[in-house]
């Protein structure tokens, strides 16, 4: 058995703190990785998840509006990974934006869902039920 891994990629330190606190309340044994710089998250994925025979099922919460790389640009880079890496992730867009993501969901089929900030316990309960 493994501890569920959670990754948060968001440039907002307040939101990252809320996510970490909420995830810890929901899953005290969860392995939480927080990245405020999307490029660092991609480097981490390249290093950590490319190891053969090492599976780390991960729920990834991704912000859309970040200064150095948008969530969409992050996904463009993420999609370049091998299937064995991508298959370890369940991706949720976590955004305070109210824009319509329907068009983007058709392009980025790896997105499992969209969640309004802040992350709440009931969001995590719904995700767990979907897994």
C-alpha atoms as a PDB file:
ATOM      1  CA  UNK A   1       0.000   0.000   0.000  1.00  0.00           C
ATOM      2  CA  UNK A   2       1.120   3.567  -0.589  1.00  0.00           C
ATOM      3  CA  UNK A   3       0.349   6.980   0.783  1.00  0.00           C
ATOM      4  CA  UNK A   4      -1.608   9.080  -1.667  1.00  0.00           C
ATOM      5  CA  UNK A   5       0.563  11.794  -3.175  1.00  0.00           C
ATOM      6  CA  UNK A   6      -0.782  15.285  -3.769  1.00  0.00           C
ATOM      7  CA  UNK A   7       0.911  18.024  -5.789  1.00  0.00           C
ATOM      8  CA  UNK A   8      -0.098  21.665  -5.819  1.00  0.00           C
ATOM      9  CA  UNK A   9       1.320  23.947  -8.516  1.00  0.00           C
ATOM     10  CA  UNK A  10       0.346  27.542  -7.763  1.00  0.00           C
ATOM     11  CA  UNK A  11       2.300  30.785  -7.418  1.00  0.00           C
ATOM     12  CA  UNK A  12       0.060  32.015  -4.578  1.00  0.00           C
ATOM     13  CA  UNK A  13       1.606  31.233  -1.160  1.00  0.00           C
ATOM     14  CA  UNK A  14      -1.696  31.787   0.656  1.00  0.00           C
ATOM     15  CA  UNK A  15      -3.520  29.297  -1.548  1.00  0.00           C
ATOM     16  CA  UNK A  16      -0.655  26.819  -1.164  1.00  0.00           C
ATOM     17  CA  UNK A  17      -0.932  27.086   2.629  1.00  0.00           C
ATOM     18  CA  UNK A  18      -4.710  26.543   2.454  1.00  0.00           C
ATOM     19  CA  UNK A  19      -4.249  23.523   0.164  1.00  0.00           C
ATOM     20  CA  UNK A  20      -1.635  21.970   2.414  1.00  0.00           C
ATOM     21  CA  UNK A  21      -3.761  22.504   5.532  1.00  0.00           C
ATOM     22  CA  UNK A  22      -6.903  21.123   3.848  1.00  0.00           C
ATOM     23  CA  UNK A  23      -5.143  18.061   2.452  1.00  0.00           C
ATOM     24  CA  UNK A  24      -3.513  17.310   5.827  1.00  0.00           C
ATOM     25  CA  UNK A  25      -6.923  17.522   7.534  1.00  0.00           C
ATOM     26  CA  UNK A  26      -8.393  15.185   4.929  1.00  0.00           C
ATOM     27  CA  UNK A  27      -5.482  12.734   4.621  1.00  0.00           C
ATOM     28  CA  UNK A  28      -2.949  13.023   7.436  1.00  0.00           C
ATOM     29  CA  UNK A  29      -0.780  10.298   5.867  1.00  0.00           C
ATOM     30  CA  UNK A  30      -0.799  11.937   2.434  1.00  0.00           C
ATOM     31  CA  UNK A  31       2.451  12.932   0.767  1.00  0.00           C
ATOM     32  CA  UNK A  32       2.105  16.613  -0.209  1.00  0.00           C
ATOM     33  CA  UNK A  33       4.396  18.422  -2.645  1.00  0.00           C
ATOM     34  CA  UNK A  34       3.889  22.163  -3.104  1.00  0.00           C
ATOM     35  CA  UNK A  35       5.429  24.084  -6.001  1.00  0.00           C
ATOM     36  CA  UNK A  36       5.150  27.839  -6.468  1.00  0.00           C
ATOM     37  CA  UNK A  37       7.232  27.698  -9.654  1.00  0.00           C
ATOM     38  CA  UNK A  38       5.690  25.481 -12.361  1.00  0.00           C
ATOM     39  CA  UNK A  39       9.029  24.778 -14.026  1.00  0.00           C
ATOM     40  CA  UNK A  40      10.299  23.272 -10.767  1.00  0.00           C
ATOM     41  CA  UNK A  41       7.259  20.999 -10.629  1.00  0.00           C
ATOM     42  CA  UNK A  42       7.961  19.780 -14.174  1.00  0.00           C
ATOM     43  CA  UNK A  43      11.600  19.095 -13.259  1.00  0.00           C
ATOM     44  CA  UNK A  44      10.471  17.184 -10.179  1.00  0.00           C
ATOM     45  CA  UNK A  45       8.078  15.092 -12.275  1.00  0.00           C
ATOM     46  CA  UNK A  46      10.810  14.350 -14.810  1.00  0.00           C
ATOM     47  CA  UNK A  47      13.177  13.171 -12.077  1.00  0.00           C
ATOM     48  CA  UNK A  48      10.785  11.452  -9.669  1.00  0.00           C
ATOM     49  CA  UNK A  49       8.297   9.757 -11.959  1.00  0.00           C
ATOM     50  CA  UNK A  50      10.523   8.513 -14.747  1.00  0.00           C
ATOM     51  CA  UNK A  51      12.098   5.863 -12.522  1.00  0.00           C
ATOM     52  CA  UNK A  52      11.055   2.504 -13.930  1.00  0.00           C
ATOM     53  CA  UNK A  53       8.735   0.342 -11.855  1.00  0.00           C
ATOM     54  CA  UNK A  54       8.175   3.140  -9.345  1.00  0.00           C
ATOM     55  CA  UNK A  55       4.527   4.130  -9.416  1.00  0.00           C
ATOM     56  CA  UNK A  56       3.376   7.196  -7.520  1.00  0.00           C
ATOM     57  CA  UNK A  57      -0.330   7.824  -8.141  1.00  0.00           C
ATOM     58  CA  UNK A  58      -0.704  11.561  -7.703  1.00  0.00           C
ATOM     59  CA  UNK A  59      -3.546  14.060  -7.558  1.00  0.00           C
ATOM     60  CA  UNK A  60      -2.282  17.284  -9.115  1.00  0.00           C
ATOM     61  CA  UNK A  61      -3.958  20.613  -8.392  1.00  0.00           C
ATOM     62  CA  UNK A  62      -2.906  23.140 -11.018  1.00  0.00           C
ATOM     63  CA  UNK A  63      -3.497  26.886 -11.047  1.00  0.00           C
ATOM     64  CA  UNK A  64      -4.169  28.478 -14.438  1.00  0.00           C
ATOM     65  CA  UNK A  65      -2.927  32.033 -13.929  1.00  0.00           C
ATOM     66  CA  UNK A  66       0.756  32.076 -12.990  1.00  0.00           C
ATOM     67  CA  UNK A  67       3.358  34.633 -14.083  1.00  0.00           C
ATOM     68  CA  UNK A  68       6.217  32.526 -15.461  1.00  0.00           C
ATOM     69  CA  UNK A  69       4.165  29.745 -17.039  1.00  0.00           C
ATOM     70  CA  UNK A  70       0.391  29.432 -17.233  1.00  0.00           C
ATOM     71  CA  UNK A  71      -1.362  26.247 -16.246  1.00  0.00           C
ATOM     72  CA  UNK A  72      -2.075  25.629 -19.936  1.00  0.00           C
ATOM     73  CA  UNK A  73       1.624  25.989 -20.799  1.00  0.00           C
ATOM     74  CA  UNK A  74       2.394  23.622 -17.924  1.00  0.00           C
ATOM     75  CA  UNK A  75       0.001  21.078 -19.422  1.00  0.00           C
ATOM     76  CA  UNK A  76       1.612  21.490 -22.845  1.00  0.00           C
ATOM     77  CA  UNK A  77       4.946  20.495 -21.278  1.00  0.00           C
ATOM     78  CA  UNK A  78       3.373  17.782 -19.124  1.00  0.00           C
ATOM     79  CA  UNK A  79       1.880  16.122 -22.209  1.00  0.00           C
ATOM     80  CA  UNK A  80       5.407  15.573 -23.561  1.00  0.00           C
ATOM     81  CA  UNK A  81       6.109  13.026 -20.810  1.00  0.00           C
ATOM     82  CA  UNK A  82       5.872   9.323 -21.566  1.00  0.00           C
ATOM     83  CA  UNK A  83       2.494   7.668 -21.023  1.00  0.00           C
ATOM     84  CA  UNK A  84       3.883   5.733 -18.052  1.00  0.00           C
ATOM     85  CA  UNK A  85       4.548   9.057 -16.309  1.00  0.00           C
ATOM     86  CA  UNK A  86       1.321  10.816 -17.339  1.00  0.00           C
ATOM     87  CA  UNK A  87      -0.790   7.847 -16.262  1.00  0.00           C
ATOM     88  CA  UNK A  88       0.290   8.348 -12.654  1.00  0.00           C
ATOM     89  CA  UNK A  89      -1.521  11.712 -12.473  1.00  0.00           C
ATOM     90  CA  UNK A  90      -5.097  12.795 -11.930  1.00  0.00           C
ATOM     91  CA  UNK A  91      -5.189  16.508 -12.769  1.00  0.00           C
ATOM     92  CA  UNK A  92      -7.597  19.112 -11.456  1.00  0.00           C
ATOM     93  CA  UNK A  93      -7.526  22.774 -12.389  1.00  0.00           C
ATOM     94  CA  UNK A  94      -7.739  24.820  -9.189  1.00  0.00           C
ATOM     95  CA  UNK A  95      -8.585  28.406 -10.043  1.00  0.00           C
ATOM     96  CA  UNK A  96     -10.251  31.509  -8.688  1.00  0.00           C
ATOM     97  CA  UNK A  97     -11.075  32.498 -12.241  1.00  0.00           C
ATOM     98  CA  UNK A  98     -14.665  32.193 -13.374  1.00  0.00           C
ATOM     99  CA  UNK A  99     -13.830  31.872 -17.067  1.00  0.00           C
ATOM    100  CA  UNK A 100     -15.416  29.071 -19.043  1.00  0.00           C
ATOM    101  CA  UNK A 101     -13.028  26.124 -19.264  1.00  0.00           C
ATOM    102  CA  UNK A 102     -15.244  23.939 -21.462  1.00  0.00           C
ATOM    103  CA  UNK A 103     -13.173  24.640 -24.597  1.00  0.00           C
ATOM    104  CA  UNK A 104      -9.912  23.930 -22.773  1.00  0.00           C
ATOM    105  CA  UNK A 105     -11.290  20.672 -21.373  1.00  0.00           C
ATOM    106  CA  UNK A 106     -11.797  19.448 -24.926  1.00  0.00           C
ATOM    107  CA  UNK A 107      -8.157  20.219 -25.771  1.00  0.00           C
ATOM    108  CA  UNK A 108      -6.610  18.975 -22.528  1.00  0.00           C
ATOM    109  CA  UNK A 109      -8.302  15.633 -22.020  1.00  0.00           C
ATOM    110  CA  UNK A 110      -5.916  14.827 -19.166  1.00  0.00           C
ATOM    111  CA  UNK A 111      -7.867  17.249 -16.940  1.00  0.00           C
ATOM    112  CA  UNK A 112     -10.210  15.343 -14.661  1.00  0.00           C
ATOM    113  CA  UNK A 113     -12.076  18.386 -13.369  1.00  0.00           C
ATOM    114  CA  UNK A 114     -12.180  22.022 -12.346  1.00  0.00           C
ATOM    115  CA  UNK A 115     -12.311  23.250  -8.756  1.00  0.00           C
ATOM    116  CA  UNK A 116     -12.885  26.802  -7.539  1.00  0.00           C
ATOM    117  CA  UNK A 117     -10.417  28.113  -4.975  1.00  0.00           C
ATOM    118  CA  UNK A 118     -10.056  27.564  -2.131  1.00  0.00           C
ATOM    119  CA  UNK A 119      -9.733  23.785  -1.986  1.00  0.00           C
ATOM    120  CA  UNK A 120     -12.233  22.305   0.467  1.00  0.00           C
ATOM    121  CA  UNK A 121     -12.583  18.972   2.242  1.00  0.00           C
ATOM    122  CA  UNK A 122     -15.703  18.131   0.217  1.00  0.00           C
ATOM    123  CA  UNK A 123     -13.660  18.593  -3.001  1.00  0.00           C
ATOM    124  CA  UNK A 124     -11.213  15.979  -1.733  1.00  0.00           C
ATOM    125  CA  UNK A 125     -14.042  13.654  -0.711  1.00  0.00           C
ATOM    126  CA  UNK A 126     -15.506  13.881  -4.224  1.00  0.00           C
ATOM    127  CA  UNK A 127     -12.103  13.184  -5.772  1.00  0.00           C
ATOM    128  CA  UNK A 128     -11.582  10.162  -3.541  1.00  0.00           C
ATOM    129  CA  UNK A 129     -14.983   8.811  -4.559  1.00  0.00           C
ATOM    130  CA  UNK A 130     -14.106   9.277  -8.241  1.00  0.00           C
ATOM    131  CA  UNK A 131     -10.773   7.438  -8.015  1.00  0.00           C
END
